Amino acid sequence: VGVDTYVCGNHEYYDGHIDRTLTKMRDAAEPHVHVLENDVVVLNGVRILGTTGWTDFSSTGDQVAASRVAWERMNDFGYIRIDAGYRRLRPADLIARNHVAKTWLTEELARPFVGKTIVITHHSPSSLLVGSKHDGHLNAAYTNDWPRLIEQADLWVFGHTHEFVDVELAGCRIVSNPRGYPGESTGFNPAFEIEM
């Protein structure tokens, strides 16, 4: 049995509570599966940092407008619950989680480490990679702009945009190989592998 790392995307939280769903996933995981949310695991001398990396809606330059568009058009705000009263998720909740994740990543990437570093997020670390499926401020719901973090990693793996990506930015290889929805054309390659 190999070792697996798992970072949640937005759909894992649908029809559930954002914190309780994560706890249930961790409790249900087999010993070889690491469910990561602002967590580090070192495997075979490779440091893996994992977080959903929720967006702060700022990548299109108008956080208020992008938050409003996301609130109106993203299913997340109807299907994900939060807090003790199980209220509907709001953009402000994701902005707060974004700040926690970015602070955590900044601190972890600053720690000296001998070996390669992989960062895994659901949201894209760069608006340059958001793709063409969404327009205007809705793009901000799929990405962050974290150039200083990108340059500190060797490999960054993300999802959420549903488009294949394999590029190098600031010395970091950035990849996304999403299967997507049934019947959706994403460029998914089931044989895609990365050797560190």
C-alpha atoms as a PDB file:
ATOM      1  CA  VAL A   1       0.000   0.000   0.000  1.00  0.00           C
ATOM      2  CA  GLY A   2       1.343   3.400  -0.985  1.00  0.00           C
ATOM      3  CA  VAL A   3       0.890   6.671   0.821  1.00  0.00           C
ATOM      4  CA  ASP A   4      -1.738   9.124  -0.350  1.00  0.00           C
ATOM      5  CA  THR A   5      -2.280  12.804   0.362  1.00  0.00           C
ATOM      6  CA  TYR A   6      -5.721  14.335   0.004  1.00  0.00           C
ATOM      7  CA  VAL A   7      -6.653  18.007  -0.117  1.00  0.00           C
ATOM      8  CA  CYS A   8     -10.336  18.884  -0.156  1.00  0.00           C
ATOM      9  CA  GLY A   9     -11.934  20.946  -2.855  1.00  0.00           C
ATOM     10  CA  ASN A  10     -15.157  22.852  -2.529  1.00  0.00           C
ATOM     11  CA  HIS A  11     -17.347  19.900  -3.562  1.00  0.00           C
ATOM     12  CA  GLU A  12     -16.199  17.721  -0.659  1.00  0.00           C
ATOM     13  CA  TYR A  13     -17.996  20.130   1.650  1.00  0.00           C
ATOM     14  CA  TYR A  14     -21.312  20.167  -0.254  1.00  0.00           C
ATOM     15  CA  ASP A  15     -24.331  19.169   1.843  1.00  0.00           C
ATOM     16  CA  GLY A  16     -22.215  19.368   4.978  1.00  0.00           C
ATOM     17  CA  HIS A  17     -20.551  21.580   7.551  1.00  0.00           C
ATOM     18  CA  ILE A  18     -17.144  22.838   6.439  1.00  0.00           C
ATOM     19  CA  ASP A  19     -15.339  21.917   9.674  1.00  0.00           C
ATOM     20  CA  ARG A  20     -17.260  18.767  10.556  1.00  0.00           C
ATOM     21  CA  THR A  21     -16.816  17.364   7.056  1.00  0.00           C
ATOM     22  CA  LEU A  22     -13.049  17.734   7.344  1.00  0.00           C
ATOM     23  CA  THR A  23     -13.076  16.021  10.752  1.00  0.00           C
ATOM     24  CA  LYS A  24     -15.184  13.147   9.400  1.00  0.00           C
ATOM     25  CA  MET A  25     -12.843  12.701   6.444  1.00  0.00           C
ATOM     26  CA  ARG A  26      -9.793  12.578   8.686  1.00  0.00           C
ATOM     27  CA  ASP A  27     -11.481  10.131  11.061  1.00  0.00           C
ATOM     28  CA  ALA A  28     -12.507   7.857   8.165  1.00  0.00           C
ATOM     29  CA  ALA A  29      -9.134   7.929   6.384  1.00  0.00           C
ATOM     30  CA  GLU A  30      -7.047   4.789   6.288  1.00  0.00           C
ATOM     31  CA  PRO A  31      -3.651   5.069   8.046  1.00  0.00           C
ATOM     32  CA  HIS A  32      -1.829   5.567   4.720  1.00  0.00           C
ATOM     33  CA  VAL A  33      -4.086   8.499   3.706  1.00  0.00           C
ATOM     34  CA  HIS A  34      -3.188  12.001   4.901  1.00  0.00           C
ATOM     35  CA  VAL A  35      -6.118  14.444   4.668  1.00  0.00           C
ATOM     36  CA  LEU A  36      -4.392  17.831   4.646  1.00  0.00           C
ATOM     37  CA  GLU A  37      -5.821  21.221   5.561  1.00  0.00           C
ATOM     38  CA  ASN A  38      -3.046  23.577   6.622  1.00  0.00           C
ATOM     39  CA  ASP A  39      -0.929  20.494   7.317  1.00  0.00           C
ATOM     40  CA  VAL A  40       2.554  19.252   6.469  1.00  0.00           C
ATOM     41  CA  VAL A  41       3.645  15.703   5.814  1.00  0.00           C
ATOM     42  CA  VAL A  42       7.171  14.602   4.868  1.00  0.00           C
ATOM     43  CA  LEU A  43       7.308  11.496   2.697  1.00  0.00           C
ATOM     44  CA  ASN A  44      10.576  10.014   1.438  1.00  0.00           C
ATOM     45  CA  GLY A  45      12.412  13.287   2.039  1.00  0.00           C
ATOM     46  CA  VAL A  46       9.797  15.389   0.225  1.00  0.00           C
ATOM     47  CA  ARG A  47       7.858  18.020   2.165  1.00  0.00           C
ATOM     48  CA  ILE A  48       4.197  18.239   1.183  1.00  0.00           C
ATOM     49  CA  LEU A  49       2.133  21.240   2.268  1.00  0.00           C
ATOM     50  CA  GLY A  50      -1.611  20.911   1.777  1.00  0.00           C
ATOM     51  CA  THR A  51      -4.486  23.369   2.062  1.00  0.00           C
ATOM     52  CA  THR A  52      -7.675  24.026   0.121  1.00  0.00           C
ATOM     53  CA  GLY A  53      -6.348  27.560  -0.320  1.00  0.00           C
ATOM     54  CA  TRP A  54      -9.760  29.193  -0.541  1.00  0.00           C
ATOM     55  CA  THR A  55      -9.777  32.413  -2.548  1.00  0.00           C
ATOM     56  CA  ASP A  56      -9.947  35.922  -1.126  1.00  0.00           C
ATOM     57  CA  PHE A  57     -11.703  37.134  -4.318  1.00  0.00           C
ATOM     58  CA  SER A  58      -9.049  39.805  -4.924  1.00  0.00           C
ATOM     59  CA  SER A  59      -7.377  38.519  -8.086  1.00  0.00           C
ATOM     60  CA  THR A  60      -9.537  40.558 -10.487  1.00  0.00           C
ATOM     61  CA  GLY A  61      -8.859  43.791  -8.618  1.00  0.00           C
ATOM     62  CA  ASP A  62     -12.273  44.333  -7.005  1.00  0.00           C
ATOM     63  CA  GLN A  63     -12.841  42.058  -4.028  1.00  0.00           C
ATOM     64  CA  VAL A  64     -16.317  43.430  -3.316  1.00  0.00           C
ATOM     65  CA  ALA A  65     -17.572  42.925  -6.879  1.00  0.00           C
ATOM     66  CA  ALA A  66     -15.966  39.481  -7.160  1.00  0.00           C
ATOM     67  CA  SER A  67     -17.449  38.396  -3.816  1.00  0.00           C
ATOM     68  CA  ARG A  68     -20.898  39.530  -4.935  1.00  0.00           C
ATOM     69  CA  VAL A  69     -20.661  37.696  -8.272  1.00  0.00           C
ATOM     70  CA  ALA A  70     -19.453  34.535  -6.527  1.00  0.00           C
ATOM     71  CA  TRP A  71     -22.262  34.766  -3.953  1.00  0.00           C
ATOM     72  CA  GLU A  72     -24.796  34.998  -6.786  1.00  0.00           C
ATOM     73  CA  ARG A  73     -23.324  32.331  -9.081  1.00  0.00           C
ATOM     74  CA  MET A  74     -21.349  29.773  -7.054  1.00  0.00           C
ATOM     75  CA  ASN A  75     -23.143  26.741  -5.605  1.00  0.00           C
ATOM     76  CA  ASP A  76     -20.765  26.742  -2.629  1.00  0.00           C
ATOM     77  CA  PHE A  77     -22.845  29.373  -0.863  1.00  0.00           C
ATOM     78  CA  GLY A  78     -25.994  27.275  -1.033  1.00  0.00           C
ATOM     79  CA  TYR A  79     -24.504  23.862  -0.291  1.00  0.00           C
ATOM     80  CA  ILE A  80     -21.828  24.453   2.364  1.00  0.00           C
ATOM     81  CA  ARG A  81     -22.664  25.205   5.998  1.00  0.00           C
ATOM     82  CA  ILE A  82     -20.539  26.788   8.720  1.00  0.00           C
ATOM     83  CA  ASP A  83     -20.597  27.789  12.407  1.00  0.00           C
ATOM     84  CA  ALA A  84     -22.599  26.302  15.282  1.00  0.00           C
ATOM     85  CA  GLY A  85     -25.924  27.296  13.737  1.00  0.00           C
ATOM     86  CA  TYR A  86     -25.134  25.650  10.381  1.00  0.00           C
ATOM     87  CA  ARG A  87     -25.674  28.901   8.530  1.00  0.00           C
ATOM     88  CA  ARG A  88     -24.895  29.199   4.832  1.00  0.00           C
ATOM     89  CA  LEU A  89     -21.301  29.885   3.895  1.00  0.00           C
ATOM     90  CA  ARG A  90     -20.533  33.495   2.895  1.00  0.00           C
ATOM     91  CA  PRO A  91     -17.692  35.004   0.856  1.00  0.00           C
ATOM     92  CA  ALA A  92     -16.351  36.640   4.043  1.00  0.00           C
ATOM     93  CA  ASP A  93     -15.899  33.150   5.548  1.00  0.00           C
ATOM     94  CA  LEU A  94     -13.725  32.103   2.622  1.00  0.00           C
ATOM     95  CA  ILE A  95     -11.734  35.330   2.766  1.00  0.00           C
ATOM     96  CA  ALA A  96     -10.971  34.615   6.436  1.00  0.00           C
ATOM     97  CA  ARG A  97      -9.908  31.042   5.605  1.00  0.00           C
ATOM     98  CA  ASN A  98      -7.779  32.356   2.744  1.00  0.00           C
ATOM     99  CA  HIS A  99      -5.892  34.624   5.136  1.00  0.00           C
ATOM    100  CA  VAL A 100      -5.279  31.727   7.537  1.00  0.00           C
ATOM    101  CA  ALA A 101      -4.048  29.483   4.704  1.00  0.00           C
ATOM    102  CA  LYS A 102      -1.803  32.139   3.187  1.00  0.00           C
ATOM    103  CA  THR A 103      -0.256  32.946   6.574  1.00  0.00           C
ATOM    104  CA  TRP A 104       0.265  29.252   7.259  1.00  0.00           C
ATOM    105  CA  LEU A 105       1.863  28.636   3.842  1.00  0.00           C
ATOM    106  CA  THR A 106       4.089  31.694   4.224  1.00  0.00           C
ATOM    107  CA  GLU A 107       5.358  30.447   7.590  1.00  0.00           C
ATOM    108  CA  GLU A 108       5.836  26.843   6.461  1.00  0.00           C
ATOM    109  CA  LEU A 109       7.628  27.748   3.238  1.00  0.00           C
ATOM    110  CA  ALA A 110       9.982  29.988   5.234  1.00  0.00           C
ATOM    111  CA  ARG A 111      11.076  27.037   7.404  1.00  0.00           C
ATOM    112  CA  PRO A 112      14.401  25.617   6.258  1.00  0.00           C
ATOM    113  CA  PHE A 113      14.004  22.227   4.608  1.00  0.00           C
ATOM    114  CA  VAL A 114      16.579  20.041   2.901  1.00  0.00           C
ATOM    115  CA  GLY A 115      14.726  18.442   0.033  1.00  0.00           C
ATOM    116  CA  LYS A 116      11.978  19.190  -2.430  1.00  0.00           C
ATOM    117  CA  THR A 117       8.754  20.964  -1.473  1.00  0.00           C
ATOM    118  CA  ILE A 118       5.356  20.258  -2.996  1.00  0.00           C
ATOM    119  CA  VAL A 119       2.359  22.484  -2.323  1.00  0.00           C
ATOM    120  CA  ILE A 120      -1.115  21.095  -2.970  1.00  0.00           C
ATOM    121  CA  THR A 121      -4.115  23.424  -3.071  1.00  0.00           C
ATOM    122  CA  HIS A 122      -7.540  23.214  -4.623  1.00  0.00           C
ATOM    123  CA  HIS A 123      -7.548  26.819  -5.827  1.00  0.00           C
ATOM    124  CA  SER A 124      -4.983  27.976  -8.367  1.00  0.00           C
ATOM    125  CA  PRO A 125      -2.010  29.903  -6.944  1.00  0.00           C
ATOM    126  CA  SER A 126      -1.955  32.325  -9.896  1.00  0.00           C
ATOM    127  CA  SER A 127      -4.610  34.162 -11.876  1.00  0.00           C
ATOM    128  CA  LEU A 128      -2.416  33.529 -14.933  1.00  0.00           C
ATOM    129  CA  LEU A 129      -3.579  29.904 -14.772  1.00  0.00           C
ATOM    130  CA  VAL A 130      -7.306  30.341 -14.228  1.00  0.00           C
ATOM    131  CA  GLY A 131      -8.210  29.340 -17.782  1.00  0.00           C
ATOM    132  CA  SER A 132     -11.010  30.557 -19.999  1.00  0.00           C
ATOM    133  CA  LYS A 133     -14.148  28.886 -18.666  1.00  0.00           C
ATOM    134  CA  HIS A 134     -15.280  31.835 -16.567  1.00  0.00           C
ATOM    135  CA  ASP A 135     -15.451  35.522 -17.275  1.00  0.00           C
ATOM    136  CA  GLY A 136     -14.925  38.735 -15.379  1.00  0.00           C
ATOM    137  CA  HIS A 137     -15.012  38.748 -11.612  1.00  0.00           C
ATOM    138  CA  LEU A 138     -16.120  35.114 -11.418  1.00  0.00           C
ATOM    139  CA  ASN A 139     -12.500  34.193 -12.228  1.00  0.00           C
ATOM    140  CA  ALA A 140     -11.560  35.409  -8.744  1.00  0.00           C
ATOM    141  CA  ALA A 141     -13.560  32.522  -7.238  1.00  0.00           C
ATOM    142  CA  TYR A 142     -11.083  30.046  -8.733  1.00  0.00           C
ATOM    143  CA  THR A 143      -7.696  31.514  -7.992  1.00  0.00           C
ATOM    144  CA  ASN A 144      -5.312  33.344  -5.719  1.00  0.00           C
ATOM    145  CA  ASP A 145      -2.348  35.495  -6.648  1.00  0.00           C
ATOM    146  CA  TRP A 146       0.495  34.118  -4.556  1.00  0.00           C
ATOM    147  CA  PRO A 147       3.677  34.804  -6.601  1.00  0.00           C
ATOM    148  CA  ARG A 148       5.960  34.975  -3.544  1.00  0.00           C
ATOM    149  CA  LEU A 149       4.716  31.601  -2.374  1.00  0.00           C
ATOM    150  CA  ILE A 150       5.038  30.001  -5.811  1.00  0.00           C
ATOM    151  CA  GLU A 151       8.724  30.881  -6.035  1.00  0.00           C
ATOM    152  CA  GLN A 152       9.426  29.012  -2.768  1.00  0.00           C
ATOM    153  CA  ALA A 153       8.008  25.668  -3.933  1.00  0.00           C
ATOM    154  CA  ASP A 154       9.434  23.113  -6.342  1.00  0.00           C
ATOM    155  CA  LEU A 155       6.053  21.781  -7.437  1.00  0.00           C
ATOM    156  CA  TRP A 156       2.540  23.160  -6.983  1.00  0.00           C
ATOM    157  CA  VAL A 157      -0.474  20.971  -7.704  1.00  0.00           C
ATOM    158  CA  PHE A 158      -3.967  22.461  -7.870  1.00  0.00           C
ATOM    159  CA  GLY A 159      -7.475  21.777  -9.188  1.00  0.00           C
ATOM    160  CA  HIS A 160     -10.761  23.728  -9.282  1.00  0.00           C
ATOM    161  CA  THR A 161     -10.349  25.309 -12.738  1.00  0.00           C
ATOM    162  CA  HIS A 162     -11.153  22.089 -14.634  1.00  0.00           C
ATOM    163  CA  GLU A 163      -8.425  22.740 -17.217  1.00  0.00           C
ATOM    164  CA  PHE A 164      -5.137  20.870 -17.659  1.00  0.00           C
ATOM    165  CA  VAL A 165      -2.066  22.948 -16.760  1.00  0.00           C
ATOM    166  CA  ASP A 166       1.632  22.072 -16.812  1.00  0.00           C
ATOM    167  CA  VAL A 167       3.803  25.199 -16.712  1.00  0.00           C
ATOM    168  CA  GLU A 168       6.775  26.666 -14.898  1.00  0.00           C
ATOM    169  CA  LEU A 169       6.487  29.984 -13.064  1.00  0.00           C
ATOM    170  CA  ALA A 170       9.271  31.518 -10.985  1.00  0.00           C
ATOM    171  CA  GLY A 171      11.190  28.237 -10.930  1.00  0.00           C
ATOM    172  CA  CYS A 172       8.187  26.212  -9.739  1.00  0.00           C
ATOM    173  CA  ARG A 173       6.450  23.595 -11.843  1.00  0.00           C
ATOM    174  CA  ILE A 174       2.690  24.104 -11.561  1.00  0.00           C
ATOM    175  CA  VAL A 175       0.307  21.354 -12.635  1.00  0.00           C
ATOM    176  CA  SER A 176      -3.384  20.598 -12.691  1.00  0.00           C
ATOM    177  CA  ASN A 177      -4.766  17.400 -14.198  1.00  0.00           C
ATOM    178  CA  PRO A 178      -8.480  17.540 -13.400  1.00  0.00           C
ATOM    179  CA  ARG A 179     -10.900  14.804 -14.364  1.00  0.00           C
ATOM    180  CA  GLY A 180     -13.798  17.273 -14.163  1.00  0.00           C
ATOM    181  CA  TYR A 181     -17.487  16.510 -14.384  1.00  0.00           C
ATOM    182  CA  PRO A 182     -18.747  13.470 -16.325  1.00  0.00           C
ATOM    183  CA  GLY A 183     -18.534  14.276 -20.019  1.00  0.00           C
ATOM    184  CA  GLU A 184     -16.550  17.483 -19.458  1.00  0.00           C
ATOM    185  CA  SER A 185     -13.472  18.075 -21.625  1.00  0.00           C
ATOM    186  CA  THR A 186     -10.649  19.172 -19.296  1.00  0.00           C
ATOM    187  CA  GLY A 187      -7.551  17.762 -20.965  1.00  0.00           C
ATOM    188  CA  PHE A 188      -7.375  15.085 -18.246  1.00  0.00           C
ATOM    189  CA  ASN A 189      -4.555  12.601 -18.774  1.00  0.00           C
ATOM    190  CA  PRO A 190      -5.014   9.429 -16.679  1.00  0.00           C
ATOM    191  CA  ALA A 191      -1.382   8.419 -17.334  1.00  0.00           C
ATOM    192  CA  PHE A 192       0.085  11.776 -16.214  1.00  0.00           C
ATOM    193  CA  GLU A 193       2.931  11.333 -13.718  1.00  0.00           C
ATOM    194  CA  ILE A 194       5.477  13.642 -12.119  1.00  0.00           C
ATOM    195  CA  GLU A 195       8.880  12.501 -10.957  1.00  0.00           C
ATOM    196  CA  MET A 196      10.565  14.580  -8.271  1.00  0.00           C
END
